[in-house]
N, C-alpha and C. Protein backbone atom coordinates (compact mmCIF):
# COMPACT_ATOMS: atom_id res chain seq x y z
N UNK A 1 110.37 115.02 106.75
CA UNK A 1 110.39 115.11 105.30
C UNK A 1 108.97 115.30 104.79
N UNK A 2 108.81 116.18 103.86
CA UNK A 2 107.52 116.46 103.25
C UNK A 2 107.48 115.85 101.86
N UNK A 3 106.31 115.36 101.45
CA UNK A 3 106.17 114.81 100.11
C UNK A 3 104.79 115.15 99.55
N UNK A 4 104.62 114.92 98.28
CA UNK A 4 103.33 115.15 97.63
C UNK A 4 102.95 113.90 96.84
N UNK A 5 101.69 113.58 96.81
CA UNK A 5 101.20 112.44 96.05
C UNK A 5 101.36 112.72 94.56
N UNK A 6 101.85 111.73 93.84
CA UNK A 6 102.07 111.86 92.40
C UNK A 6 100.85 111.45 91.58
N UNK A 7 100.24 110.29 91.92
CA UNK A 7 99.11 109.79 91.14
C UNK A 7 98.42 108.69 91.92
N UNK A 8 97.26 108.31 91.45
CA UNK A 8 96.55 107.17 92.01
C UNK A 8 97.05 105.92 91.30
N UNK A 9 97.47 104.93 92.05
CA UNK A 9 97.97 103.68 91.48
C UNK A 9 96.84 102.67 91.32
N UNK A 10 96.11 102.42 92.39
CA UNK A 10 94.99 101.49 92.35
C UNK A 10 94.00 101.83 93.46
N UNK A 11 92.81 101.30 93.32
CA UNK A 11 91.83 101.38 94.38
C UNK A 11 91.18 100.02 94.49
N UNK A 12 90.46 99.80 95.57
CA UNK A 12 89.82 98.52 95.83
C UNK A 12 88.31 98.73 95.94
N UNK A 13 87.57 97.91 95.21
CA UNK A 13 86.11 97.93 95.28
C UNK A 13 85.67 96.59 95.86
N UNK A 14 84.79 96.63 96.84
CA UNK A 14 84.21 95.41 97.38
C UNK A 14 83.02 95.02 96.51
N UNK A 15 82.98 93.75 96.11
CA UNK A 15 81.97 93.26 95.16
C UNK A 15 81.15 92.12 95.75
N UNK A 16 79.88 92.09 95.41
CA UNK A 16 79.03 90.95 95.77
C UNK A 16 79.49 89.72 95.00
N UNK A 17 79.86 89.90 93.73
CA UNK A 17 80.34 88.80 92.89
C UNK A 17 81.48 89.33 92.03
N UNK A 18 82.70 88.92 92.33
CA UNK A 18 83.89 89.43 91.63
C UNK A 18 83.81 89.16 90.13
N UNK A 19 83.39 87.96 89.74
CA UNK A 19 83.31 87.63 88.32
C UNK A 19 82.33 88.51 87.56
N UNK A 20 81.17 88.75 88.15
CA UNK A 20 80.17 89.62 87.52
C UNK A 20 80.72 91.03 87.36
N UNK A 21 81.36 91.54 88.40
CA UNK A 21 81.92 92.89 88.33
C UNK A 21 83.04 92.98 87.31
N UNK A 22 83.94 92.00 87.30
CA UNK A 22 85.05 92.01 86.34
C UNK A 22 84.50 91.97 84.92
N UNK A 23 83.50 91.14 84.68
CA UNK A 23 82.89 91.08 83.35
C UNK A 23 82.30 92.42 82.95
N UNK A 24 81.62 93.11 83.88
CA UNK A 24 81.00 94.40 83.58
C UNK A 24 82.06 95.44 83.23
N UNK A 25 83.11 95.53 84.01
CA UNK A 25 84.16 96.52 83.74
C UNK A 25 84.88 96.22 82.42
N UNK A 26 85.02 94.95 82.08
CA UNK A 26 85.60 94.58 80.78
C UNK A 26 84.66 94.96 79.64
N UNK A 27 83.41 94.53 79.73
CA UNK A 27 82.44 94.70 78.65
C UNK A 27 82.01 96.14 78.45
N UNK A 28 81.73 96.84 79.54
CA UNK A 28 81.17 98.19 79.45
C UNK A 28 82.26 99.25 79.35
N UNK A 29 83.35 99.13 80.11
CA UNK A 29 84.37 100.17 80.14
C UNK A 29 85.67 99.77 79.44
N UNK A 30 85.73 98.57 78.87
CA UNK A 30 86.89 98.18 78.09
C UNK A 30 88.15 97.93 78.89
N UNK A 31 88.00 97.64 80.18
CA UNK A 31 89.17 97.38 81.01
C UNK A 31 89.66 95.94 80.79
N UNK A 32 90.88 95.69 81.19
CA UNK A 32 91.50 94.38 81.01
C UNK A 32 91.56 93.65 82.35
N UNK A 33 91.05 92.43 82.38
CA UNK A 33 91.06 91.63 83.60
C UNK A 33 92.46 91.08 83.86
N UNK A 34 92.83 91.05 85.13
CA UNK A 34 94.13 90.53 85.54
C UNK A 34 93.94 89.68 86.79
N UNK A 35 94.61 88.54 86.84
CA UNK A 35 94.70 87.74 88.07
C UNK A 35 96.09 87.95 88.62
N UNK A 36 96.20 88.08 89.94
CA UNK A 36 97.51 88.36 90.53
C UNK A 36 97.61 87.74 91.92
N UNK A 37 98.83 87.63 92.40
CA UNK A 37 99.09 87.17 93.76
C UNK A 37 98.91 85.67 93.93
N UNK A 38 99.37 85.21 95.07
CA UNK A 38 99.27 83.79 95.40
C UNK A 38 97.83 83.32 95.51
N UNK A 39 96.93 84.20 95.92
CA UNK A 39 95.53 83.83 96.11
C UNK A 39 94.70 84.04 94.84
N UNK A 40 95.38 84.34 93.72
CA UNK A 40 94.71 84.56 92.44
C UNK A 40 93.61 85.60 92.54
N UNK A 41 93.96 86.74 93.06
CA UNK A 41 93.01 87.83 93.16
C UNK A 41 92.69 88.38 91.77
N UNK A 42 91.63 89.16 91.68
CA UNK A 42 91.19 89.70 90.39
C UNK A 42 91.23 91.21 90.43
N UNK A 43 91.70 91.79 89.33
CA UNK A 43 91.69 93.24 89.16
C UNK A 43 91.29 93.54 87.72
N UNK A 44 90.89 94.77 87.47
CA UNK A 44 90.70 95.26 86.12
C UNK A 44 91.63 96.45 85.94
N UNK A 45 92.29 96.50 84.79
CA UNK A 45 93.32 97.51 84.54
C UNK A 45 92.90 98.44 83.41
N UNK A 46 93.36 99.69 83.52
CA UNK A 46 93.16 100.68 82.46
C UNK A 46 94.26 101.70 82.58
N UNK A 47 94.83 102.12 81.45
CA UNK A 47 95.94 103.07 81.51
C UNK A 47 97.01 102.58 82.46
N UNK A 48 97.45 103.43 83.37
CA UNK A 48 98.45 103.06 84.35
C UNK A 48 97.87 102.76 85.72
N UNK A 49 96.56 102.46 85.78
CA UNK A 49 95.90 102.21 87.06
C UNK A 49 95.18 100.86 87.02
N UNK A 50 94.74 100.44 88.21
CA UNK A 50 93.91 99.25 88.28
C UNK A 50 92.94 99.36 89.43
N UNK A 51 91.89 98.54 89.34
CA UNK A 51 90.91 98.41 90.40
C UNK A 51 90.98 96.97 90.88
N UNK A 52 91.32 96.76 92.13
CA UNK A 52 91.30 95.43 92.72
C UNK A 52 89.87 95.14 93.14
N UNK A 53 89.39 93.94 92.83
CA UNK A 53 88.02 93.56 93.13
C UNK A 53 88.01 92.62 94.33
N UNK A 54 87.57 93.13 95.46
CA UNK A 54 87.59 92.41 96.73
C UNK A 54 86.25 91.71 96.93
N UNK A 55 86.24 90.41 97.22
CA UNK A 55 84.98 89.72 97.50
C UNK A 55 84.34 90.23 98.79
N UNK A 56 83.04 90.37 98.79
CA UNK A 56 82.31 90.87 99.95
C UNK A 56 82.63 90.08 101.21
N UNK A 57 82.78 88.77 101.08
CA UNK A 57 82.98 87.91 102.25
C UNK A 57 84.45 87.71 102.64
N UNK A 58 85.36 88.46 102.03
CA UNK A 58 86.78 88.33 102.38
C UNK A 58 87.02 88.87 103.79
N UNK A 59 87.82 88.14 104.55
CA UNK A 59 88.14 88.57 105.91
C UNK A 59 89.28 89.59 105.89
N UNK A 60 89.47 90.27 107.01
CA UNK A 60 90.59 91.22 107.13
C UNK A 60 91.93 90.49 107.00
N UNK A 61 91.97 89.21 107.38
CA UNK A 61 93.20 88.44 107.23
C UNK A 61 93.51 88.18 105.76
N UNK A 62 92.46 88.01 104.96
CA UNK A 62 92.64 87.78 103.52
C UNK A 62 92.89 89.08 102.77
N UNK A 63 92.14 90.11 103.12
CA UNK A 63 92.22 91.42 102.47
C UNK A 63 92.26 92.48 103.56
N UNK A 64 93.39 93.07 103.77
CA UNK A 64 93.47 94.18 104.71
C UNK A 64 92.78 95.35 104.02
N UNK A 65 91.67 95.83 104.60
CA UNK A 65 90.88 96.84 103.90
C UNK A 65 90.27 97.82 104.88
N UNK A 66 89.46 98.71 104.33
CA UNK A 66 88.79 99.71 105.16
C UNK A 66 87.89 99.02 106.19
N UNK A 67 87.55 99.74 107.23
CA UNK A 67 86.75 99.18 108.30
C UNK A 67 85.37 98.77 107.78
N UNK A 68 84.77 99.61 106.96
CA UNK A 68 83.48 99.31 106.36
C UNK A 68 83.69 99.15 104.87
N UNK A 69 83.66 97.92 104.39
CA UNK A 69 83.88 97.64 102.97
C UNK A 69 82.65 96.90 102.46
N UNK A 70 81.76 97.61 101.81
CA UNK A 70 80.51 97.04 101.32
C UNK A 70 80.34 97.33 99.83
N UNK A 71 79.73 96.42 99.10
CA UNK A 71 79.42 96.68 97.70
C UNK A 71 78.53 97.91 97.56
N UNK A 72 78.76 98.67 96.51
CA UNK A 72 77.89 99.81 96.20
C UNK A 72 78.18 101.07 96.96
N UNK A 73 79.35 101.20 97.57
CA UNK A 73 79.65 102.40 98.37
C UNK A 73 80.65 103.34 97.69
N UNK A 74 80.96 103.10 96.43
CA UNK A 74 81.95 103.91 95.73
C UNK A 74 81.29 104.86 94.72
N UNK A 75 81.91 106.00 94.50
CA UNK A 75 81.59 106.92 93.41
C UNK A 75 82.89 107.10 92.64
N UNK A 76 82.92 106.66 91.39
CA UNK A 76 84.15 106.69 90.60
C UNK A 76 83.93 107.48 89.32
N UNK A 77 84.94 108.20 88.89
CA UNK A 77 84.88 108.94 87.64
C UNK A 77 86.01 108.50 86.73
N UNK A 78 85.64 108.11 85.50
CA UNK A 78 86.62 107.71 84.50
C UNK A 78 86.55 108.68 83.33
N UNK A 79 87.72 109.07 82.83
CA UNK A 79 87.81 109.98 81.68
C UNK A 79 87.99 109.16 80.42
N UNK A 80 87.23 109.50 79.39
CA UNK A 80 87.34 108.86 78.08
C UNK A 80 87.57 109.93 77.01
N UNK A 81 87.87 109.49 75.80
CA UNK A 81 88.20 110.44 74.72
C UNK A 81 87.17 110.42 73.60
N UNK A 82 85.93 110.10 73.95
CA UNK A 82 84.83 110.18 72.98
C UNK A 82 83.81 111.18 73.51
N UNK A 83 82.84 111.52 72.69
CA UNK A 83 81.84 112.50 73.11
C UNK A 83 80.90 111.92 74.16
N UNK A 84 80.25 112.80 74.89
CA UNK A 84 79.27 112.37 75.90
C UNK A 84 78.11 111.63 75.24
N UNK A 85 77.70 112.06 74.05
CA UNK A 85 76.63 111.34 73.35
C UNK A 85 77.08 109.93 73.00
N UNK A 86 78.34 109.76 72.61
CA UNK A 86 78.87 108.42 72.32
C UNK A 86 78.93 107.57 73.59
N UNK A 87 79.25 108.18 74.71
CA UNK A 87 79.27 107.46 75.99
C UNK A 87 77.87 106.92 76.27
N UNK A 88 76.87 107.79 76.19
CA UNK A 88 75.50 107.39 76.49
C UNK A 88 75.03 106.30 75.53
N UNK A 89 75.34 106.44 74.25
CA UNK A 89 74.94 105.44 73.26
C UNK A 89 75.60 104.09 73.55
N UNK A 90 76.87 104.11 73.92
CA UNK A 90 77.57 102.87 74.24
C UNK A 90 76.96 102.19 75.46
N UNK A 91 76.68 102.96 76.49
CA UNK A 91 76.07 102.38 77.69
C UNK A 91 74.74 101.71 77.34
N UNK A 92 73.93 102.42 76.59
CA UNK A 92 72.63 101.85 76.20
C UNK A 92 72.80 100.59 75.38
N UNK A 93 73.80 100.57 74.47
CA UNK A 93 74.03 99.38 73.64
C UNK A 93 74.48 98.19 74.48
N UNK A 94 75.06 98.46 75.66
CA UNK A 94 75.48 97.41 76.59
C UNK A 94 74.35 97.01 77.54
N UNK A 95 73.19 97.66 77.39
CA UNK A 95 72.07 97.37 78.29
C UNK A 95 72.20 98.03 79.64
N UNK A 96 73.03 99.07 79.73
CA UNK A 96 73.26 99.78 80.98
C UNK A 96 72.39 101.04 81.00
N UNK A 97 71.67 101.25 82.08
CA UNK A 97 70.81 102.41 82.24
C UNK A 97 71.64 103.66 82.48
N UNK A 98 71.37 104.71 81.72
CA UNK A 98 71.99 106.01 81.97
C UNK A 98 71.19 106.66 83.08
N UNK A 99 71.84 106.89 84.22
CA UNK A 99 71.17 107.47 85.38
C UNK A 99 71.02 108.99 85.25
N UNK A 100 72.03 109.63 84.64
CA UNK A 100 72.04 111.09 84.49
C UNK A 100 73.02 111.46 83.40
N UNK A 101 72.68 112.47 82.63
CA UNK A 101 73.64 112.98 81.67
C UNK A 101 73.18 112.84 80.24
N UNK A 102 73.97 113.50 79.42
CA UNK A 102 75.18 114.28 79.70
C UNK A 102 74.89 115.56 80.49
N UNK A 103 75.78 115.85 81.44
CA UNK A 103 75.68 117.05 82.26
C UNK A 103 77.07 117.66 82.43
N UNK A 104 77.08 118.98 82.61
CA UNK A 104 78.34 119.70 82.85
C UNK A 104 78.77 119.49 84.30
N UNK A 105 80.05 119.18 84.49
CA UNK A 105 80.63 118.98 85.81
C UNK A 105 82.02 119.59 85.84
N UNK A 106 82.63 119.56 87.02
CA UNK A 106 83.99 120.06 87.18
C UNK A 106 84.92 118.87 87.40
N UNK A 107 85.90 118.70 86.52
CA UNK A 107 86.89 117.64 86.66
C UNK A 107 88.15 118.16 87.32
N UNK A 108 89.11 117.29 87.51
CA UNK A 108 90.36 117.66 88.15
C UNK A 108 91.14 118.70 87.33
N UNK A 109 90.95 118.68 86.01
CA UNK A 109 91.69 119.60 85.14
C UNK A 109 90.82 120.67 84.51
N UNK A 110 89.56 120.78 84.94
CA UNK A 110 88.66 121.79 84.39
C UNK A 110 87.30 121.22 84.06
N UNK A 111 86.54 121.93 83.21
CA UNK A 111 85.18 121.49 82.89
C UNK A 111 85.16 120.15 82.15
N UNK A 112 84.21 119.30 82.53
CA UNK A 112 83.99 118.02 81.86
C UNK A 112 82.50 117.87 81.57
N UNK A 113 82.18 116.95 80.68
CA UNK A 113 80.80 116.56 80.43
C UNK A 113 80.68 115.11 80.85
N UNK A 114 79.71 114.83 81.72
CA UNK A 114 79.62 113.52 82.37
C UNK A 114 78.32 112.80 82.06
N UNK A 115 78.44 111.47 82.05
CA UNK A 115 77.30 110.57 81.95
C UNK A 115 77.44 109.59 83.11
N UNK A 116 76.33 109.35 83.83
CA UNK A 116 76.36 108.51 85.02
C UNK A 116 75.58 107.22 84.81
N UNK A 117 76.14 106.14 85.37
CA UNK A 117 75.46 104.84 85.40
C UNK A 117 75.87 104.14 86.69
N UNK A 118 75.44 102.90 86.85
CA UNK A 118 75.81 102.11 88.03
C UNK A 118 76.37 100.77 87.59
N UNK A 119 77.39 100.29 88.32
CA UNK A 119 77.94 98.96 88.04
C UNK A 119 77.05 97.91 88.69
N UNK A 120 77.36 96.61 88.55
CA UNK A 120 76.49 95.58 89.10
C UNK A 120 76.27 95.65 90.62
N UNK A 121 77.18 96.28 91.35
CA UNK A 121 77.02 96.41 92.80
C UNK A 121 76.31 97.69 93.21
N UNK A 122 76.00 98.56 92.25
CA UNK A 122 75.34 99.82 92.56
C UNK A 122 76.28 100.98 92.76
N UNK A 123 77.60 100.76 92.57
CA UNK A 123 78.54 101.88 92.65
C UNK A 123 78.18 102.90 91.57
N UNK A 124 78.27 104.18 91.89
CA UNK A 124 78.00 105.23 90.93
C UNK A 124 79.22 105.40 90.04
N UNK A 125 79.03 105.22 88.74
CA UNK A 125 80.11 105.33 87.78
C UNK A 125 79.87 106.55 86.91
N UNK A 126 80.78 107.49 86.97
CA UNK A 126 80.74 108.69 86.14
C UNK A 126 81.74 108.49 85.01
N UNK A 127 81.28 108.62 83.78
CA UNK A 127 82.15 108.52 82.62
C UNK A 127 82.13 109.90 81.97
N UNK A 128 83.29 110.50 81.85
CA UNK A 128 83.34 111.91 81.46
C UNK A 128 84.36 112.15 80.36
N UNK A 129 84.17 113.28 79.70
CA UNK A 129 85.09 113.70 78.66
C UNK A 129 85.45 115.17 78.82
N UNK A 130 86.69 115.48 78.57
CA UNK A 130 87.12 116.87 78.53
C UNK A 130 86.89 117.44 77.13
N UNK A 131 86.58 116.59 76.16
CA UNK A 131 86.46 117.01 74.77
C UNK A 131 85.19 117.75 74.45
N UNK A 132 84.10 117.47 75.15
CA UNK A 132 82.82 118.14 74.90
C UNK A 132 82.78 119.47 75.62
N UNK A 133 82.05 120.37 75.09
CA UNK A 133 81.73 121.60 75.80
C UNK A 133 80.23 121.63 75.95
N UNK A 134 79.77 121.45 77.17
CA UNK A 134 78.35 121.35 77.43
C UNK A 134 77.70 122.66 77.03
N UNK A 135 76.61 122.60 76.26
CA UNK A 135 76.02 123.82 75.72
C UNK A 135 74.59 124.09 76.17
N UNK A 136 73.98 123.19 76.95
CA UNK A 136 72.59 123.43 77.38
C UNK A 136 72.52 124.34 78.57
């Protein structure tokens, strides 16, 4: 039987400090924190997806995960519905350094304008909009 993937449901990020990361994703990206499971794990939710936040010191018995799961090894792109200038201004107002952008990039559905920053673990976070048309 052949099948095709429909969508991304969730992903897992390994964190040096789950609370610090959850706070950052709530404060900077407006995600909603969720506790789940018998072990009271932590995730942040947005739209129909979530990011599970795995503690750096979790064992394979506690969290079945990739062979190499280290903080700061992810590159993630989130789509928003505001302008790239608004993205950059919001990041700065949160005390987050803009690493790059706004810059023209290619998204899954076509051209996007992206602004890059890093989360508390050093993961590269791309925040992009399909609404802008990069003109430089």
